[in-house]
PDB file of N, CA and C in Angstrom:
ATOM      1  N   MET A   1      37.165 113.801 166.665  1.00  0.00           N
ATOM      2  CA  MET A   1      38.050 114.536 167.557  1.00  0.00           C
ATOM      3  C   MET A   1      38.587 115.746 166.813  1.00  0.00           C
ATOM      4  N   LYS A   2      38.609 116.838 167.474  1.00  0.00           N
ATOM      5  CA  LYS A   2      39.112 118.088 166.901  1.00  0.00           C
ATOM      6  C   LYS A   2      40.628 118.024 166.756  1.00  0.00           C
ATOM      7  N   SER A   3      41.121 118.491 165.632  1.00  0.00           N
ATOM      8  CA  SER A   3      42.562 118.648 165.461  1.00  0.00           C
ATOM      9  C   SER A   3      42.970 119.955 166.110  1.00  0.00           C
ATOM     10  N   TYR A   4      44.005 119.935 166.887  1.00  0.00           N
ATOM     11  CA  TYR A   4      44.443 121.128 167.586  1.00  0.00           C
ATOM     12  C   TYR A   4      45.471 121.934 166.798  1.00  0.00           C
ATOM     13  N   ILE A   5      45.908 121.445 165.658  1.00  0.00           N
ATOM     14  CA  ILE A   5      46.831 122.253 164.863  1.00  0.00           C
ATOM     15  C   ILE A   5      46.022 123.189 163.984  1.00  0.00           C
ATOM     16  N   THR A   6      46.575 124.357 163.725  1.00  0.00           N
ATOM     17  CA  THR A   6      45.834 125.362 162.979  1.00  0.00           C
ATOM     18  C   THR A   6      46.383 125.590 161.583  1.00  0.00           C
ATOM     19  N   ASP A   7      47.557 125.063 161.282  1.00  0.00           N
ATOM     20  CA  ASP A   7      48.095 125.227 159.936  1.00  0.00           C
ATOM     21  C   ASP A   7      48.921 124.002 159.568  1.00  0.00           C
ATOM     22  N   THR A   8      49.301 123.952 158.307  1.00  0.00           N
ATOM     23  CA  THR A   8      50.168 122.877 157.861  1.00  0.00           C
ATOM     24  C   THR A   8      51.583 123.425 157.775  1.00  0.00           C
ATOM     25  N   ASN A   9      52.494 122.615 157.304  1.00  0.00           N
ATOM     26  CA  ASN A   9      53.902 123.000 157.212  1.00  0.00           C
ATOM     27  C   ASN A   9      54.469 123.414 158.562  1.00  0.00           C
ATOM     28  N   LEU A  10      54.185 122.609 159.559  1.00  0.00           N
ATOM     29  CA  LEU A  10      54.668 122.887 160.905  1.00  0.00           C
ATOM     30  C   LEU A  10      56.171 122.703 160.988  1.00  0.00           C
ATOM     31  N   GLU A  11      56.781 123.528 161.768  1.00  0.00           N
ATOM     32  CA  GLU A  11      58.197 123.373 162.077  1.00  0.00           C
ATOM     33  C   GLU A  11      58.317 122.549 163.351  1.00  0.00           C
ATOM     34  N   ARG A  12      59.486 121.968 163.551  1.00  0.00           N
ATOM     35  CA  ARG A  12      59.734 121.111 164.707  1.00  0.00           C
ATOM     36  C   ARG A  12      59.356 121.810 166.021  1.00  0.00           C
ATOM     37  N   SER A  13      59.759 123.056 166.193  1.00  0.00           N
ATOM     38  CA  SER A  13      59.473 123.758 167.446  1.00  0.00           C
ATOM     39  C   SER A  13      57.974 123.928 167.673  1.00  0.00           C
ATOM     40  N   GLN A  14      57.201 124.127 166.603  1.00  0.00           N
ATOM     41  CA  GLN A  14      55.751 124.253 166.732  1.00  0.00           C
ATOM     42  C   GLN A  14      55.123 122.933 167.163  1.00  0.00           C
ATOM     43  N   VAL A  15      55.590 121.842 166.585  1.00  0.00           N
ATOM     44  CA  VAL A  15      55.064 120.525 166.946  1.00  0.00           C
ATOM     45  C   VAL A  15      55.350 120.253 168.424  1.00  0.00           C
ATOM     46  N   ILE A  16      56.558 120.531 168.865  1.00  0.00           N
ATOM     47  CA  ILE A  16      56.922 120.288 170.265  1.00  0.00           C
ATOM     48  C   ILE A  16      56.084 121.159 171.197  1.00  0.00           C
ATOM     49  N   LYS A  17      55.868 122.419 170.842  1.00  0.00           N
ATOM     50  CA  LYS A  17      55.033 123.302 171.675  1.00  0.00           C
ATOM     51  C   LYS A  17      53.616 122.763 171.786  1.00  0.00           C
ATOM     52  N   GLU A  18      53.058 122.278 170.689  1.00  0.00           N
ATOM     53  CA  GLU A  18      51.715 121.704 170.728  1.00  0.00           C
ATOM     54  C   GLU A  18      51.671 120.496 171.653  1.00  0.00           C
ATOM     55  N   ILE A  19      52.662 119.621 171.536  1.00  0.00           N
ATOM     56  CA  ILE A  19      52.706 118.435 172.388  1.00  0.00           C
ATOM     57  C   ILE A  19      52.761 118.841 173.856  1.00  0.00           C
ATOM     58  N   VAL A  20      53.645 119.749 174.199  1.00  0.00           N
ATOM     59  CA  VAL A  20      53.795 120.192 175.592  1.00  0.00           C
ATOM     60  C   VAL A  20      52.504 120.840 176.089  1.00  0.00           C
ATOM     61  N   SER A  21      51.831 121.587 175.230  1.00  0.00           N
ATOM     62  CA  SER A  21      50.597 122.261 175.659  1.00  0.00           C
ATOM     63  C   SER A  21      49.518 121.274 176.090  1.00  0.00           C
ATOM     64  N   PHE A  22      49.485 120.086 175.501  1.00  0.00           N
ATOM     65  CA  PHE A  22      48.474 119.094 175.870  1.00  0.00           C
ATOM     66  C   PHE A  22      48.686 118.567 177.282  1.00  0.00           C
ATOM     67  N   ALA A  23      49.910 118.613 177.789  1.00  0.00           N
ATOM     68  CA  ALA A  23      50.185 118.164 179.153  1.00  0.00           C
ATOM     69  C   ALA A  23      49.635 119.158 180.180  1.00  0.00           C
ATOM     70  N   SER A  24      49.331 120.382 179.749  1.00  0.00           N
ATOM     71  CA  SER A  24      48.803 121.376 180.686  1.00  0.00           C
ATOM     72  C   SER A  24      47.275 121.433 180.675  1.00  0.00           C
ATOM     73  N   LEU A  25      46.636 120.576 179.912  1.00  0.00           N
ATOM     74  CA  LEU A  25      45.174 120.529 179.936  1.00  0.00           C
ATOM     75  C   LEU A  25      44.691 120.112 181.325  1.00  0.00           C
ATOM     76  N   ASN A  26      43.538 120.601 181.716  1.00  0.00           N
ATOM     77  CA  ASN A  26      42.956 120.227 183.003  1.00  0.00           C
ATOM     78  C   ASN A  26      42.324 118.851 182.910  1.00  0.00           C
ATOM     79  N   HIS A  27      42.239 118.178 184.049  1.00  0.00           N
ATOM     80  CA  HIS A  27      41.490 116.924 184.115  1.00  0.00           C
ATOM     81  C   HIS A  27      40.065 117.219 183.654  1.00  0.00           C
ATOM     82  N   ASP A  28      39.485 116.340 182.899  1.00  0.00           N
ATOM     83  CA  ASP A  28      38.131 116.493 182.366  1.00  0.00           C
ATOM     84  C   ASP A  28      38.061 117.576 181.284  1.00  0.00           C
ATOM     85  N   TRP A  29      39.153 117.759 180.541  1.00  0.00           N
ATOM     86  CA  TRP A  29      39.212 118.809 179.519  1.00  0.00           C
ATOM     87  C   TRP A  29      38.176 118.647 178.418  1.00  0.00           C
ATOM     88  N   ASP A  30      37.660 117.443 178.239  1.00  0.00           N
ATOM     89  CA  ASP A  30      36.654 117.226 177.202  1.00  0.00           C
ATOM     90  C   ASP A  30      35.226 117.161 177.749  1.00  0.00           C
ATOM     91  N   GLY A  31      35.078 117.306 179.079  1.00  0.00           N
ATOM     92  CA  GLY A  31      33.758 117.218 179.691  1.00  0.00           C
ATOM     93  C   GLY A  31      33.293 115.801 179.951  1.00  0.00           C
ATOM     94  N   PHE A  32      34.153 114.821 179.650  1.00  0.00           N
ATOM     95  CA  PHE A  32      33.802 113.417 179.842  1.00  0.00           C
ATOM     96  C   PHE A  32      34.854 112.675 180.664  1.00  0.00           C
ATOM     97  N   GLY A  33      35.604 113.396 181.497  1.00  0.00           N
ATOM     98  CA  GLY A  33      36.589 112.767 182.379  1.00  0.00           C
ATOM     99  C   GLY A  33      37.956 112.554 181.763  1.00  0.00           C
ATOM    100  N   ALA A  34      38.257 113.221 180.663  1.00  0.00           N
ATOM    101  CA  ALA A  34      39.536 113.021 179.976  1.00  0.00           C
ATOM    102  C   ALA A  34      40.719 113.430 180.846  1.00  0.00           C
ATOM    103  N   LEU A  35      41.794 112.668 180.691  1.00  0.00           N
ATOM    104  CA  LEU A  35      43.050 112.973 181.369  1.00  0.00           C
ATOM    105  C   LEU A  35      43.896 113.886 180.496  1.00  0.00           C
ATOM    106  N   PRO A  36      44.693 114.765 181.098  1.00  0.00           N
ATOM    107  CA  PRO A  36      45.652 115.527 180.288  1.00  0.00           C
ATOM    108  C   PRO A  36      46.716 114.570 179.746  1.00  0.00           C
ATOM    109  N   LEU A  37      47.438 115.006 178.739  1.00  0.00           N
ATOM    110  CA  LEU A  37      48.536 114.216 178.206  1.00  0.00           C
ATOM    111  C   LEU A  37      49.529 113.951 179.328  1.00  0.00           C
ATOM    112  N   GLU A  38      49.905 112.692 179.511  1.00  0.00           N
ATOM    113  CA  GLU A  38      50.856 112.347 180.564  1.00  0.00           C
ATOM    114  C   GLU A  38      52.262 112.777 180.159  1.00  0.00           C
ATOM    115  N   VAL A  39      53.058 113.160 181.151  1.00  0.00           N
ATOM    116  CA  VAL A  39      54.407 113.675 180.906  1.00  0.00           C
ATOM    117  C   VAL A  39      55.245 112.656 180.139  1.00  0.00           C
ATOM    118  N   GLU A  40      55.169 111.399 180.520  1.00  0.00           N
ATOM    119  CA  GLU A  40      55.942 110.352 179.833  1.00  0.00           C
ATOM    120  C   GLU A  40      55.517 110.224 178.370  1.00  0.00           C
ATOM    121  N   SER A  41      54.218 110.284 178.126  1.00  0.00           N
ATOM    122  CA  SER A  41      53.722 110.221 176.746  1.00  0.00           C
ATOM    123  C   SER A  41      54.197 111.417 175.943  1.00  0.00           C
ATOM    124  N   ALA A  42      54.174 112.602 176.553  1.00  0.00           N
ATOM    125  CA  ALA A  42      54.661 113.809 175.879  1.00  0.00           C
ATOM    126  C   ALA A  42      56.137 113.663 175.533  1.00  0.00           C
ATOM    127  N   ALA A  43      56.940 113.187 176.487  1.00  0.00           N
ATOM    128  CA  ALA A  43      58.376 113.001 176.240  1.00  0.00           C
ATOM    129  C   ALA A  43      58.603 111.996 175.116  1.00  0.00           C
ATOM    130  N   ASN A  44      57.829 110.921 175.084  1.00  0.00           N
ATOM    131  CA  ASN A  44      57.967 109.927 174.024  1.00  0.00           C
ATOM    132  C   ASN A  44      57.571 110.496 172.662  1.00  0.00           C
ATOM    133  N   ALA A  45      56.506 111.298 172.620  1.00  0.00           N
ATOM    134  CA  ALA A  45      56.091 111.918 171.356  1.00  0.00           C
ATOM    135  C   ALA A  45      57.160 112.882 170.851  1.00  0.00           C
ATOM    136  N   ILE A  46      57.752 113.639 171.755  1.00  0.00           N
ATOM    137  CA  ILE A  46      58.834 114.551 171.364  1.00  0.00           C
ATOM    138  C   ILE A  46      60.031 113.763 170.851  1.00  0.00           C
ATOM    139  N   SER A  47      60.339 112.647 171.503  1.00  0.00           N
ATOM    140  CA  SER A  47      61.446 111.797 171.060  1.00  0.00           C
ATOM    141  C   SER A  47      61.209 111.299 169.633  1.00  0.00           C
ATOM    142  N   ILE A  48      60.000 110.871 169.344  1.00  0.00           N
ATOM    143  CA  ILE A  48      59.685 110.409 167.986  1.00  0.00           C
ATOM    144  C   ILE A  48      59.781 111.565 166.998  1.00  0.00           C
ATOM    145  N   THR A  49      59.202 112.712 167.326  1.00  0.00           N
ATOM    146  CA  THR A  49      59.242 113.834 166.379  1.00  0.00           C
ATOM    147  C   THR A  49      60.663 114.306 166.127  1.00  0.00           C
ATOM    148  N   ASN A  50      61.523 114.162 167.118  1.00  0.00           N
ATOM    149  CA  ASN A  50      62.924 114.539 166.912  1.00  0.00           C
ATOM    150  C   ASN A  50      63.643 113.607 165.947  1.00  0.00           C
ATOM    151  N   ARG A  51      63.096 112.436 165.699  1.00  0.00           N
ATOM    152  CA  ARG A  51      63.691 111.477 164.766  1.00  0.00           C
ATOM    153  C   ARG A  51      63.106 111.607 163.359  1.00  0.00           C
ATOM    154  N   LEU A  52      62.072 112.435 163.194  1.00  0.00           N
ATOM    155  CA  LEU A  52      61.441 112.606 161.889  1.00  0.00           C
ATOM    156  C   LEU A  52      62.098 113.734 161.115  1.00  0.00           C
ATOM    157  N   SER A  53      62.074 113.628 159.804  1.00  0.00           N
ATOM    158  CA  SER A  53      62.621 114.684 158.953  1.00  0.00           C
ATOM    159  C   SER A  53      61.711 115.913 159.005  1.00  0.00           C
ATOM    160  N   ASN A  54      62.251 117.044 158.603  1.00  0.00           N
ATOM    161  CA  ASN A  54      61.445 118.267 158.543  1.00  0.00           C
ATOM    162  C   ASN A  54      60.265 118.108 157.592  1.00  0.00           C
ATOM    163  N   SER A  55      60.466 117.422 156.477  1.00  0.00           N
ATOM    164  CA  SER A  55      59.357 117.238 155.538  1.00  0.00           C
ATOM    165  C   SER A  55      58.262 116.352 156.137  1.00  0.00           C
ATOM    166  N   ALA A  56      58.649 115.363 156.935  1.00  0.00           N
ATOM    167  CA  ALA A  56      57.650 114.524 157.606  1.00  0.00           C
ATOM    168  C   ALA A  56      56.859 115.344 158.614  1.00  0.00           C
ATOM    169  N   LEU A  57      57.534 116.199 159.354  1.00  0.00           N
ATOM    170  CA  LEU A  57      56.839 117.044 160.327  1.00  0.00           C
ATOM    171  C   LEU A  57      55.897 118.023 159.640  1.00  0.00           C
ATOM    172  N   SER A  58      56.332 118.575 158.513  1.00  0.00           N
ATOM    173  CA  SER A  58      55.485 119.546 157.821  1.00  0.00           C
ATOM    174  C   SER A  58      54.266 118.888 157.192  1.00  0.00           C
ATOM    175  N   GLY A  59      54.287 117.563 157.061  1.00  0.00           N
ATOM    176  CA  GLY A  59      53.158 116.844 156.487  1.00  0.00           C
ATOM    177  C   GLY A  59      52.105 116.422 157.491  1.00  0.00           C
ATOM    178  N   ILE A  60      52.261 116.771 158.753  1.00  0.00           N
ATOM    179  CA  ILE A  60      51.272 116.406 159.766  1.00  0.00           C
ATOM    180  C   ILE A  60      49.935 117.046 159.420  1.00  0.00           C
ATOM    181  N   SER A  61      48.868 116.236 159.410  1.00  0.00           N
ATOM    182  CA  SER A  61      47.535 116.757 159.103  1.00  0.00           C
ATOM    183  C   SER A  61      46.685 116.941 160.355  1.00  0.00           C
ATOM    184  N   ALA A  62      47.029 116.260 161.453  1.00  0.00           N
ATOM    185  CA  ALA A  62      46.280 116.408 162.705  1.00  0.00           C
ATOM    186  C   ALA A  62      47.191 116.028 163.868  1.00  0.00           C
ATOM    187  N   LEU A  63      47.013 116.743 164.967  1.00  0.00           N
ATOM    188  CA  LEU A  63      47.796 116.523 166.185  1.00  0.00           C
ATOM    189  C   LEU A  63      46.849 116.797 167.341  1.00  0.00           C
ATOM    190  N   TYR A  64      46.587 115.783 168.190  1.00  0.00           N
ATOM    191  CA  TYR A  64      45.570 115.982 169.227  1.00  0.00           C
ATOM    192  C   TYR A  64      45.795 115.040 170.413  1.00  0.00           C
ATOM    193  N   PRO A  65      45.327 115.495 171.595  1.00  0.00           N
ATOM    194  CA  PRO A  65      45.399 114.643 172.785  1.00  0.00           C
ATOM    195  C   PRO A  65      44.238 113.649 172.756  1.00  0.00           C
ATOM    196  N   ASN A  66      44.442 112.521 173.393  1.00  0.00           N
ATOM    197  CA  ASN A  66      43.380 111.529 173.541  1.00  0.00           C
ATOM    198  C   ASN A  66      42.911 111.534 174.991  1.00  0.00           C
ATOM    199  N   PRO A  67      41.680 111.145 175.246  1.00  0.00           N
ATOM    200  CA  PRO A  67      41.131 111.253 176.601  1.00  0.00           C
ATOM    201  C   PRO A  67      41.791 110.351 177.646  1.00  0.00           C
ATOM    202  N   HIS A  68      42.603 109.392 177.234  1.00  0.00           N
ATOM    203  CA  HIS A  68      43.249 108.501 178.190  1.00  0.00           C
ATOM    204  C   HIS A  68      44.721 108.851 178.426  1.00  0.00           C
ATOM    205  N   GLY A  69      45.115 110.095 178.116  1.00  0.00           N
ATOM    206  CA  GLY A  69      46.459 110.572 178.449  1.00  0.00           C
ATOM    207  C   GLY A  69      47.518 110.310 177.407  1.00  0.00           C
ATOM    208  N   THR A  70      47.125 109.948 176.192  1.00  0.00           N
ATOM    209  CA  THR A  70      48.066 109.718 175.100  1.00  0.00           C
ATOM    210  C   THR A  70      47.909 110.834 174.069  1.00  0.00           C
ATOM    211  N   ILE A  71      48.679 110.758 172.995  1.00  0.00           N
ATOM    212  CA  ILE A  71      48.610 111.762 171.932  1.00  0.00           C
ATOM    213  C   ILE A  71      48.585 111.059 170.583  1.00  0.00           C
ATOM    214  N   SER A  72      47.859 111.642 169.640  1.00  0.00           N
ATOM    215  CA  SER A  72      47.815 111.111 168.275  1.00  0.00           C
ATOM    216  C   SER A  72      48.361 112.142 167.303  1.00  0.00           C
ATOM    217  N   ILE A  73      49.068 111.634 166.305  1.00  0.00           N
ATOM    218  CA  ILE A  73      49.595 112.454 165.222  1.00  0.00           C
ATOM    219  C   ILE A  73      49.226 111.741 163.924  1.00  0.00           C
ATOM    220  N   ASP A  74      48.605 112.477 163.001  1.00  0.00           N
ATOM    221  CA  ASP A  74      48.154 111.891 161.742  1.00  0.00           C
ATOM    222  C   ASP A  74      48.819 112.573 160.558  1.00  0.00           C
ATOM    223  N   TRP A  75      49.023 111.785 159.524  1.00  0.00           N
ATOM    224  CA  TRP A  75      49.518 112.270 158.236  1.00  0.00           C
ATOM    225  C   TRP A  75      48.548 111.769 157.177  1.00  0.00           C
ATOM    226  N   GLU A  76      48.223 112.615 156.216  1.00  0.00           N
ATOM    227  CA  GLU A  76      47.404 112.203 155.079  1.00  0.00           C
ATOM    228  C   GLU A  76      47.942 112.901 153.848  1.00  0.00           C
ATOM    229  N   ASN A  77      48.171 112.133 152.781  1.00  0.00           N
ATOM    230  CA  ASN A  77      48.701 112.741 151.563  1.00  0.00           C
ATOM    231  C   ASN A  77      47.580 113.012 150.567  1.00  0.00           C
ATOM    232  N   GLY A  78      47.931 113.517 149.404  1.00  0.00           N
ATOM    233  CA  GLY A  78      46.961 113.872 148.381  1.00  0.00           C
ATOM    234  C   GLY A  78      46.188 112.698 147.817  1.00  0.00           C
ATOM    235  N   SER A  79      46.653 111.502 148.036  1.00  0.00           N
ATOM    236  CA  SER A  79      45.965 110.296 147.568  1.00  0.00           C
ATOM    237  C   SER A  79      45.093 109.681 148.650  1.00  0.00           C
ATOM    238  N   ASN A  80      44.852 110.427 149.719  1.00  0.00           N
ATOM    239  CA  ASN A  80      44.072 109.957 150.866  1.00  0.00           C
ATOM    240  C   ASN A  80      44.691 108.739 151.534  1.00  0.00           C
ATOM    241  N   GLU A  81      45.992 108.624 151.446  1.00  0.00           N
ATOM    242  CA  GLU A  81      46.711 107.596 152.182  1.00  0.00           C
ATOM    243  C   GLU A  81      47.013 108.163 153.559  1.00  0.00           C
ATOM    244  N   ILE A  82      46.877 107.320 154.573  1.00  0.00           N
ATOM    245  CA  ILE A  82      46.924 107.801 155.954  1.00  0.00           C
ATOM    246  C   ILE A  82      47.909 106.991 156.789  1.00  0.00           C
ATOM    247  N   ILE A  83      48.618 107.697 157.648  1.00  0.00           N
ATOM    248  CA  ILE A  83      49.355 107.076 158.748  1.00  0.00           C
ATOM    249  C   ILE A  83      48.861 107.764 160.004  1.00  0.00           C
ATOM    250  N   SER A  84      48.448 106.972 160.982  1.00  0.00           N
ATOM    251  CA  SER A  84      47.960 107.516 162.242  1.00  0.00           C
ATOM    252  C   SER A  84      48.755 106.888 163.381  1.00  0.00           C
ATOM    253  N   LEU A  85      49.365 107.730 164.189  1.00  0.00           N
ATOM    254  CA  LEU A  85      50.253 107.324 165.280  1.00  0.00           C
ATOM    255  C   LEU A  85      49.619 107.675 166.614  1.00  0.00           C
ATOM    256  N   GLU A  86      49.669 106.769 167.581  1.00  0.00           N
ATOM    257  CA  GLU A  86      49.285 107.066 168.961  1.00  0.00           C
ATOM    258  C   GLU A  86      50.462 106.731 169.859  1.00  0.00           C
ATOM    259  N   VAL A  87      50.847 107.707 170.699  1.00  0.00           N
ATOM    260  CA  VAL A  87      52.010 107.569 171.565  1.00  0.00           C
ATOM    261  C   VAL A  87      51.556 107.555 173.021  1.00  0.00           C
ATOM    262  N   GLY A  88      52.033 106.557 173.755  1.00  0.00           N
ATOM    263  CA  GLY A  88      51.713 106.435 175.170  1.00  0.00           C
ATOM    264  C   GLY A  88      52.956 106.446 176.034  1.00  0.00           C
ATOM    265  N   ASN A  89      52.794 106.004 177.271  1.00  0.00           N
ATOM    266  CA  ASN A  89      53.892 106.007 178.243  1.00  0.00           C
ATOM    267  C   ASN A  89      54.951 104.953 177.967  1.00  0.00           C
ATOM    268  N   THR A  90      54.534 103.788 177.496  1.00  0.00           N
ATOM    269  CA  THR A  90      55.486 102.680 177.344  1.00  0.00           C
ATOM    270  C   THR A  90      55.589 102.150 175.920  1.00  0.00           C
ATOM    271  N   SER A  91      54.685 102.566 175.052  1.00  0.00           N
ATOM    272  CA  SER A  91      54.717 102.068 173.674  1.00  0.00           C
ATOM    273  C   SER A  91      53.994 103.030 172.750  1.00  0.00           C
ATOM    274  N   PHE A  92      54.140 102.752 171.444  1.00  0.00           N
ATOM    275  CA  PHE A  92      53.401 103.507 170.436  1.00  0.00           C
ATOM    276  C   PHE A  92      52.800 102.530 169.447  1.00  0.00           C
ATOM    277  N   SER A  93      51.669 102.922 168.890  1.00  0.00           N
ATOM    278  CA  SER A  93      50.978 102.109 167.896  1.00  0.00           C
ATOM    279  C   SER A  93      50.635 102.995 166.715  1.00  0.00           C
ATOM    280  N   TYR A  94      50.533 102.382 165.548  1.00  0.00           N
ATOM    281  CA  TYR A  94      50.142 103.145 164.375  1.00  0.00           C
ATOM    282  C   TYR A  94      49.527 102.239 163.335  1.00  0.00           C
ATOM    283  N   TYR A  95      48.803 102.850 162.432  1.00  0.00           N
ATOM    284  CA  TYR A  95      48.319 102.108 161.275  1.00  0.00           C
ATOM    285  C   TYR A  95      48.658 102.878 160.020  1.00  0.00           C
ATOM    286  N   VAL A  96      48.770 102.133 158.947  1.00  0.00           N
ATOM    287  CA  VAL A  96      49.104 102.683 157.639  1.00  0.00           C
ATOM    288  C   VAL A  96      48.032 102.210 156.672  1.00  0.00           C
ATOM    289  N   LYS A  97      47.373 103.148 156.002  1.00  0.00           N
ATOM    290  CA  LYS A  97      46.384 102.811 154.980  1.00  0.00           C
ATOM    291  C   LYS A  97      46.850 103.429 153.677  1.00  0.00           C
ATOM    292  N   LEU A  98      47.379 102.566 152.797  1.00  0.00           N
ATOM    293  CA  LEU A  98      47.830 102.993 151.480  1.00  0.00           C
ATOM    294  C   LEU A  98      46.772 102.636 150.450  1.00  0.00           C
ATOM    295  N   GLU A  99      46.763 103.367 149.366  1.00  0.00           N
ATOM    296  CA  GLU A  99      45.761 103.201 148.314  1.00  0.00           C
ATOM    297  C   GLU A  99      45.734 101.772 147.769  1.00  0.00           C
ATOM    298  N   SER A 100      46.891 101.159 147.680  1.00  0.00           N
ATOM    299  CA  SER A 100      47.009  99.858 147.020  1.00  0.00           C
ATOM    300  C   SER A 100      46.940  98.662 147.959  1.00  0.00           C
ATOM    301  N   SER A 101      46.625  98.877 149.231  1.00  0.00           N
ATOM    302  CA  SER A 101      46.628  97.744 150.158  1.00  0.00           C
ATOM    303  C   SER A 101      45.628  97.947 151.292  1.00  0.00           C
ATOM    304  N   GLU A 102      45.379  96.861 151.979  1.00  0.00           N
ATOM    305  CA  GLU A 102      44.546  96.902 153.176  1.00  0.00           C
ATOM    306  C   GLU A 102      45.302  97.630 154.283  1.00  0.00           C
ATOM    307  N   PRO A 103      44.591  98.192 155.258  1.00  0.00           N
ATOM    308  CA  PRO A 103      45.284  98.843 156.379  1.00  0.00           C
ATOM    309  C   PRO A 103      46.198  97.851 157.103  1.00  0.00           C
ATOM    310  N   ALA A 104      47.362  98.337 157.511  1.00  0.00           N
ATOM    311  CA  ALA A 104      48.306  97.523 158.295  1.00  0.00           C
ATOM    312  C   ALA A 104      48.417  98.165 159.672  1.00  0.00           C
ATOM    313  N   PHE A 105      48.330  97.346 160.711  1.00  0.00           N
ATOM    314  CA  PHE A 105      48.374  97.819 162.086  1.00  0.00           C
ATOM    315  C   PHE A 105      49.669  97.369 162.751  1.00  0.00           C
ATOM    316  N   PHE A 106      50.288  98.280 163.483  1.00  0.00           N
ATOM    317  CA  PHE A 106      51.542  98.020 164.179  1.00  0.00           C
ATOM    318  C   PHE A 106      51.336  98.431 165.637  1.00  0.00           C
ATOM    319  N   ASP A 107      50.962  97.461 166.458  1.00  0.00           N
ATOM    320  CA  ASP A 107      50.576  97.746 167.837  1.00  0.00           C
ATOM    321  C   ASP A 107      51.692  97.502 168.829  1.00  0.00           C
ATOM    322  N   ASN A 108      51.668  98.287 169.895  1.00  0.00           N
ATOM    323  CA  ASN A 108      52.541  98.108 171.062  1.00  0.00           C
ATOM    324  C   ASN A 108      54.017  98.024 170.716  1.00  0.00           C
ATOM    325  N   ASN A 109      54.486  98.972 169.908  1.00  0.00           N
ATOM    326  CA  ASN A 109      55.910  99.065 169.597  1.00  0.00           C
ATOM    327  C   ASN A 109      56.630  99.715 170.770  1.00  0.00           C
ATOM    328  N   LYS A 110      57.738  99.152 171.163  1.00  0.00           N
ATOM    329  CA  LYS A 110      58.555  99.746 172.230  1.00  0.00           C
ATOM    330  C   LYS A 110      59.362 100.891 171.644  1.00  0.00           C
ATOM    331  N   PHE A 111      59.887 101.739 172.484  1.00  0.00           N
ATOM    332  CA  PHE A 111      60.619 102.920 172.042  1.00  0.00           C
ATOM    333  C   PHE A 111      62.095 102.621 171.792  1.00  0.00           C
ATOM    334  N   GLY A 112      62.362 101.722 170.867  1.00  0.00           N
ATOM    335  CA  GLY A 112      63.726 101.421 170.466  1.00  0.00           C
ATOM    336  C   GLY A 112      64.074 102.120 169.169  1.00  0.00           C
ATOM    337  N   GLU A 113      65.357 102.263 168.900  1.00  0.00           N
ATOM    338  CA  GLU A 113      65.802 102.952 167.682  1.00  0.00           C
ATOM    339  C   GLU A 113      65.257 102.296 166.421  1.00  0.00           C
ATOM    340  N   LEU A 114      65.298 100.968 166.360  1.00  0.00           N
ATOM    341  CA  LEU A 114      64.814 100.280 165.158  1.00  0.00           C
ATOM    342  C   LEU A 114      63.334 100.505 164.921  1.00  0.00           C
ATOM    343  N   GLU A 115      62.537 100.455 165.986  1.00  0.00           N
ATOM    344  CA  GLU A 115      61.100 100.634 165.855  1.00  0.00           C
ATOM    345  C   GLU A 115      60.760 102.064 165.415  1.00  0.00           C
ATOM    346  N   ILE A 116      61.424 103.034 165.999  1.00  0.00           N
ATOM    347  CA  ILE A 116      61.173 104.432 165.640  1.00  0.00           C
ATOM    348  C   ILE A 116      61.661 104.708 164.220  1.00  0.00           C
ATOM    349  N   ASP A 117      62.813 104.162 163.858  1.00  0.00           N
ATOM    350  CA  ASP A 117      63.321 104.343 162.494  1.00  0.00           C
ATOM    351  C   ASP A 117      62.380 103.719 161.462  1.00  0.00           C
ATOM    352  N   ASP A 118      61.824 102.544 161.767  1.00  0.00           N
ATOM    353  CA  ASP A 118      60.877 101.897 160.864  1.00  0.00           C
ATOM    354  C   ASP A 118      59.645 102.778 160.683  1.00  0.00           C
ATOM    355  N   PHE A 119      59.144 103.318 161.777  1.00  0.00           N
ATOM    356  CA  PHE A 119      58.005 104.219 161.684  1.00  0.00           C
ATOM    357  C   PHE A 119      58.343 105.448 160.839  1.00  0.00           C
ATOM    358  N   ALA A 120      59.487 106.066 161.096  1.00  0.00           N
ATOM    359  CA  ALA A 120      59.903 107.270 160.364  1.00  0.00           C
ATOM    360  C   ALA A 120      59.994 106.982 158.866  1.00  0.00           C
ATOM    361  N   LYS A 121      60.508 105.810 158.483  1.00  0.00           N
ATOM    362  CA  LYS A 121      60.605 105.444 157.066  1.00  0.00           C
ATOM    363  C   LYS A 121      59.227 105.305 156.445  1.00  0.00           C
ATOM    364  N   ARG A 122      58.279 104.753 157.185  1.00  0.00           N
ATOM    365  CA  ARG A 122      56.921 104.615 156.663  1.00  0.00           C
ATOM    366  C   ARG A 122      56.293 105.975 156.413  1.00  0.00           C
ATOM    367  N   VAL A 123      56.486 106.902 157.354  1.00  0.00           N
ATOM    368  CA  VAL A 123      55.933 108.241 157.175  1.00  0.00           C
ATOM    369  C   VAL A 123      56.558 108.897 155.953  1.00  0.00           C
ATOM    370  N   GLN A 124      57.871 108.827 155.843  1.00  0.00           N
ATOM    371  CA  GLN A 124      58.562 109.465 154.725  1.00  0.00           C
ATOM    372  C   GLN A 124      58.125 108.892 153.381  1.00  0.00           C
ATOM    373  N   SER A 125      57.979 107.570 153.283  1.00  0.00           N
ATOM    374  CA  SER A 125      57.572 106.967 152.005  1.00  0.00           C
ATOM    375  C   SER A 125      56.126 107.300 151.670  1.00  0.00           C
ATOM    376  N   ASN A 126      55.270 107.457 152.669  1.00  0.00           N
ATOM    377  CA  ASN A 126      53.888 107.830 152.432  1.00  0.00           C
ATOM    378  C   ASN A 126      53.796 109.259 151.891  1.00  0.00           C
ATOM    379  N   LEU A 127      54.626 110.142 152.387  1.00  0.00           N
ATOM    380  CA  LEU A 127      54.576 111.538 151.951  1.00  0.00           C
ATOM    381  C   LEU A 127      55.073 111.730 150.526  1.00  0.00           C
ATOM    382  N   SER A 128      55.911 110.828 150.068  1.00  0.00           N
ATOM    383  CA  SER A 128      56.510 110.997 148.746  1.00  0.00           C
ATOM    384  C   SER A 128      55.611 110.484 147.632  1.00  0.00           C
ATOM    385  N   ARG A 129      54.476 109.961 147.940  1.00  0.00           N
ATOM    386  CA  ARG A 129      53.561 109.429 146.915  1.00  0.00           C
ATOM    387  C   ARG A 129      52.773 110.517 146.247  1.00  0.00           C
TER     388      ARG A 129
END
């Protein structure tokens, strides 16, 4: 999947603009019946990004819509450690692959403060490695 971001060190306003732009994609934007980003998913992604630190936002390595109306945001550090987030209408899922451990999957998290804070802490600790 193509990353739709063109540079690193994104500012919060740039991330939000990218997210909103995916909601304006046409149906079948990928030529295979893809749905545009759903409004609820966009609002949830913006809510999560508003809870992330500026350094976490600037560490985004990929930001892209998915064909089923969700959005993905990826982070990768210099050690090839990865956090990949997918945000939908009612929940978010992510995985964390650190150098010293097997991938950990966190599926179907609801949009509560504790769940979002836990995710934000994982992103921040991954970036500091």
